[in-house]
Protein backbone atom coordinates (compact mmCIF):
# COMPACT_ATOMS: atom_id res chain seq x y z
CA MET A 1 -7.42 -22.95 -17.31
CA ARG A 2 -6.84 -21.38 -13.84
CA TRP A 3 -3.38 -21.14 -12.56
CA PRO A 4 -2.49 -20.64 -8.88
CA GLU A 5 -2.04 -16.71 -8.17
CA PRO A 6 0.78 -15.53 -5.79
CA PRO A 7 -0.63 -13.91 -2.59
CA HIS A 8 -0.31 -10.18 -2.13
CA GLY A 9 2.61 -8.79 -0.19
CA ALA A 10 5.74 -10.42 -1.85
CA LEU A 11 8.03 -8.89 -4.51
CA LEU A 12 7.82 -11.14 -7.46
CA LEU A 13 10.64 -10.71 -9.86
CA ALA A 14 10.42 -12.82 -13.06
CA ILE A 15 13.42 -13.76 -15.35
CA VAL A 16 12.54 -14.96 -18.79
CA GLY A 17 14.40 -15.26 -22.01
CA ALA A 18 15.47 -17.64 -24.77
CA GLU A 19 17.35 -20.86 -24.13
CA SER A 20 20.98 -20.59 -23.04
CA THR A 21 20.70 -17.06 -22.05
CA GLY A 22 21.76 -17.58 -18.20
CA LYS A 23 18.21 -17.44 -16.71
CA SER A 24 18.81 -20.15 -13.92
CA THR A 25 22.43 -18.90 -13.09
CA LEU A 26 21.24 -15.40 -13.10
CA ALA A 27 18.05 -16.55 -10.71
CA ALA A 28 20.17 -18.04 -8.20
CA ALA A 29 22.74 -15.11 -8.28
CA LEU A 30 20.28 -12.50 -7.96
CA ALA A 31 18.43 -14.01 -5.15
CA GLN A 32 21.51 -14.36 -2.97
CA ARG A 33 22.65 -10.98 -3.83
CA LEU A 34 19.37 -9.40 -2.67
CA VAL A 35 19.62 -11.47 0.54
CA ASP A 36 23.32 -10.12 1.14
CA ASP A 37 22.48 -6.46 0.13
CA THR A 38 19.08 -5.95 1.57
CA GLY A 39 18.62 -8.49 4.47
CA LEU A 40 15.25 -9.31 3.05
CA ALA A 41 13.87 -12.90 2.95
CA CYS A 42 14.53 -13.75 -0.64
CA THR A 43 14.43 -17.08 -2.61
CA ALA A 44 14.93 -18.15 -6.20
CA VAL A 45 12.25 -20.67 -7.69
CA PRO A 46 13.79 -22.94 -10.34
CA GLU A 47 12.17 -23.82 -13.53
CA VAL A 48 9.56 -26.70 -13.39
CA LEU A 49 10.22 -27.82 -16.94
CA ARG A 50 13.68 -28.78 -16.17
CA ALA A 51 12.70 -31.15 -13.47
CA TRP A 52 9.72 -32.44 -15.46
CA CYS A 53 11.87 -33.54 -18.38
CA ASP A 54 14.54 -35.09 -16.11
CA ARG A 55 11.48 -37.34 -14.56
CA GLN A 56 9.92 -38.16 -17.85
CA GLY A 57 12.94 -38.44 -20.12
CA ARG A 58 11.48 -36.26 -22.82
CA THR A 59 9.79 -32.89 -23.66
CA PRO A 60 6.16 -32.04 -23.01
CA ARG A 61 3.50 -33.01 -25.38
CA GLN A 62 1.13 -30.25 -26.38
CA HIS A 63 -1.68 -31.29 -23.81
CA GLU A 64 0.84 -31.17 -20.91
CA GLN A 65 1.86 -27.87 -21.17
CA ASP A 66 -0.84 -26.21 -19.13
CA GLY A 67 -0.18 -28.62 -16.38
CA ILE A 68 3.49 -27.54 -16.53
CA ALA A 69 2.43 -23.84 -16.26
CA ALA A 70 0.10 -24.37 -13.46
CA GLU A 71 2.84 -26.29 -11.49
CA GLN A 72 5.26 -23.52 -12.23
CA ALA A 73 2.62 -20.91 -11.02
CA ARG A 74 2.01 -22.94 -7.82
CA HIS A 75 5.37 -23.05 -6.80
CA LEU A 76 5.87 -19.37 -7.18
CA ALA A 77 2.80 -18.77 -5.10
CA GLU A 78 3.97 -21.01 -2.35
CA ALA A 79 7.20 -19.12 -2.36
CA CYS A 80 5.49 -15.62 -2.31
CA ALA A 81 3.63 -16.69 0.79
CA THR A 82 6.83 -17.12 2.92
CA HIS A 83 9.25 -14.62 1.50
CA ALA A 84 9.36 -10.94 1.12
CA VAL A 85 11.12 -11.18 -2.50
CA VAL A 86 10.86 -14.00 -4.92
CA VAL A 87 12.94 -14.59 -8.01
CA ALA A 88 11.35 -16.54 -10.68
CA ASP A 89 13.44 -18.68 -12.97
CA THR A 90 10.79 -18.45 -15.64
CA THR A 91 7.06 -18.12 -15.34
CA PRO A 92 4.04 -19.53 -17.16
CA LEU A 93 4.87 -16.90 -19.76
CA MET A 94 7.76 -18.84 -21.22
CA THR A 95 5.53 -21.96 -21.35
CA ALA A 96 3.21 -20.18 -23.55
CA VAL A 97 6.00 -18.91 -25.74
CA TYR A 98 7.25 -22.37 -26.21
CA HIS A 99 3.72 -23.75 -26.72
CA HIS A 100 3.42 -21.40 -29.78
CA GLN A 101 7.06 -22.14 -30.82
CA VAL A 102 6.65 -25.96 -30.91
CA PHE A 103 3.08 -26.57 -31.51
CA GLY A 104 1.96 -23.34 -33.32
CA ASP A 105 -0.79 -22.84 -30.37
CA ASP A 106 -1.34 -19.50 -28.92
CA SER A 107 -4.05 -20.61 -26.43
CA LEU A 108 -1.84 -19.91 -23.33
CA ASP A 109 -0.78 -16.53 -24.43
CA ALA A 110 -3.65 -14.50 -22.89
CA PRO A 111 -3.80 -16.32 -19.53
CA ALA A 112 0.14 -16.25 -19.27
CA GLN A 113 0.11 -12.53 -20.06
CA ALA A 114 -2.58 -12.03 -17.29
CA TRP A 115 -0.51 -14.19 -14.80
CA GLN A 116 2.58 -12.03 -15.54
CA LYS A 117 0.72 -8.98 -14.23
CA HIS A 118 1.44 -10.36 -10.87
CA CYS A 119 5.35 -9.64 -11.21
CA ALA A 120 6.44 -6.58 -10.25
CA LEU A 121 9.25 -6.69 -12.95
CA THR A 122 10.30 -8.85 -15.68
CA LEU A 123 13.84 -9.31 -16.62
CA LEU A 124 14.54 -10.33 -20.20
CA THR A 125 17.90 -12.01 -20.74
CA ALA A 126 19.58 -10.94 -23.90
CA LEU A 127 20.90 -13.12 -26.56
CA ASP A 128 24.55 -11.99 -25.76
CA LEU A 129 25.88 -15.33 -24.43
CA PRO A 130 27.20 -18.04 -26.47
CA TRP A 131 24.68 -21.05 -26.99
CA GLN A 132 25.38 -24.23 -25.14
CA ALA A 133 23.82 -27.69 -25.40
CA ASP A 134 21.74 -28.70 -22.36
CA GLY A 135 20.17 -32.10 -23.26
CA LEU A 136 16.45 -32.30 -23.86
CA GLN A 137 15.75 -28.40 -23.17
CA ARG A 138 17.94 -27.04 -25.82
CA ASP A 139 16.59 -26.97 -29.51
CA GLY A 140 19.55 -24.93 -31.02
CA PRO A 141 20.75 -21.57 -31.42
CA GLN A 142 18.48 -20.86 -34.23
CA VAL A 143 15.37 -20.67 -32.08
CA ARG A 144 16.61 -18.13 -29.72
CA ALA A 145 15.82 -15.00 -31.85
CA PRO A 146 12.21 -16.05 -32.61
CA VAL A 147 11.67 -16.86 -28.81
CA ASP A 148 13.09 -13.50 -27.77
CA ALA A 149 10.93 -11.64 -30.36
CA ARG A 150 7.75 -13.38 -29.17
CA LEU A 151 8.69 -12.58 -25.64
CA ARG A 152 9.08 -8.94 -26.31
CA ARG A 153 5.76 -8.92 -28.40
CA LEU A 154 3.74 -10.53 -25.42
CA LEU A 155 5.30 -8.25 -22.96
CA VAL A 156 4.89 -5.06 -24.88
CA GLY A 157 1.39 -6.18 -26.04
CA ALA A 158 0.30 -6.66 -22.48
CA GLY A 159 2.00 -3.48 -21.12
CA LEU A 160 4.05 -5.37 -18.96
CA PRO A 161 7.15 -3.65 -17.38
CA PHE A 162 10.49 -5.27 -18.35
CA SER A 163 14.20 -4.57 -18.64
CA VAL A 164 16.76 -6.16 -20.54
CA VAL A 165 19.58 -7.82 -18.82
CA ARG A 166 22.97 -8.14 -20.59
CA GLY A 167 26.71 -8.73 -20.14
CA SER A 168 28.43 -11.73 -18.84
CA GLY A 169 29.44 -12.91 -15.42
CA ARG A 170 29.24 -10.13 -12.76
CA ASP A 171 28.07 -7.46 -15.37
CA ARG A 172 24.98 -9.58 -16.04
CA LEU A 173 24.21 -9.88 -12.45
CA GLU A 174 24.94 -6.09 -11.83
CA SER A 175 22.51 -5.21 -14.88
CA ALA A 176 20.01 -7.12 -12.87
CA VAL A 177 20.45 -5.62 -9.65
CA ASP A 178 20.47 -2.09 -11.09
CA ALA A 179 16.82 -3.07 -12.77
CA VAL A 180 15.43 -4.34 -9.42
CA ALA A 181 16.85 -1.88 -6.83
CA PRO A 182 14.32 0.84 -7.36
CA LEU A 183 11.52 -1.57 -6.60
CA LEU A 184 13.05 -2.37 -3.10
CA ARG A 185 13.09 1.30 -1.92
CA ALA A 186 10.05 0.81 0.24
CA ARG A 187 11.55 -2.33 1.73
CA ARG A 188 14.92 -0.80 2.42
CA THR A 189 17.19 -1.60 5.47
CA PRO A 190 19.15 1.11 6.81
CA GLY A 191 22.90 0.95 5.94
CA ARG A 192 22.63 -1.78 3.26
CA GLY A 193 24.81 -1.47 0.31
CA LEU A 194 22.29 -1.76 -2.51
CA PHE A 195 20.43 1.44 -1.45
CA SER A 196 23.66 3.35 -0.75
CA ARG A 197 24.68 2.48 -4.38
CA LEU A 198 21.08 3.52 -5.71
CA ASP A 199 21.20 6.70 -3.89
CA GLU A 200 24.58 7.62 -5.22
CA ARG A 201 23.28 6.96 -8.96
CA ASP A 202 20.08 8.86 -8.47
CA SER A 203 22.10 11.97 -7.03
CA GLY A 204 24.22 12.22 -10.29
CA PRO A 205 23.34 14.23 -13.27
CA ALA A 206 20.18 13.02 -15.26
CA GLY A 207 21.03 11.05 -18.24
CA ARG A 208 19.22 11.99 -21.55
CA PRO A 209 15.84 10.35 -21.76
CA TRP A 210 15.64 7.90 -24.57
CA ARG A 211 12.46 5.82 -25.65
CA CYS A 212 12.81 2.41 -27.28
CA ASP A 213 10.44 1.32 -29.88
CA HIS A 214 10.98 -2.30 -29.06
CA CYS A 215 10.94 -2.34 -25.31
CA ASP A 216 10.70 -0.24 -22.17
CA ASP A 217 14.64 -0.51 -21.35
CA PRO A 218 16.07 2.89 -22.09
CA GLY A 219 19.66 1.01 -21.93
CA CYS A 220 18.80 -1.68 -24.21
CA GLU A 221 20.73 -2.85 -27.34
CA HIS A 222 18.59 -0.71 -29.62
CA ALA A 223 19.34 2.36 -27.70
CA LEU A 224 23.08 1.75 -27.87
CA ARG A 225 22.94 1.31 -31.61
CA GLN A 226 20.83 4.37 -31.73
CA LEU A 227 23.58 6.36 -29.87
CA ALA A 228 26.31 4.79 -31.95
CA GLN A 229 24.66 6.40 -35.10
CA ARG A 230 24.82 10.00 -33.56
């Protein structure tokens, strides 16, 4: 299988996570926030699977998964050709995770991990939002933990940088902005609020370093539990 690769130059930010964790809402809000705060040409690319299910009136069969991953990759590559920053509402990695979850087939794992390396950063949405039904695309709250665990395993296994995004409403958006802001330093526009906030944060006292055994986010839920035990 060969999926379209994004051209060099654009900053590709991926949002992945289990169902009903606010990926689509976050992608749109983050793209607009980056436009407002940086002045850069930024867009959000929606999830191909949602439109596919709406057209077909069903979920994909096993042999159709590769085509869906390829279409998602193509949409992202096209957006990267015309924008400075692209926010992906899922990537082929999510297709690979559900390919294994639904069909017990891990054949998409390796190519999805390789494709994910084109992303400057992956934002993993935490399981701290209530589950909500959403037609064909939702299997139930019981699948969220296994999907989250497999996503972390694939990201860590491939050495892919990621940050966990948590909180509701504005807090979730702010968590995402804090994660991606350092990547935008080289593209900064003088006087923009995002970079002023980043400079203020970096000029403060350094926090205590902490390394998580489950991910690379020093502020993740595992870290918070660790601190609570001290």
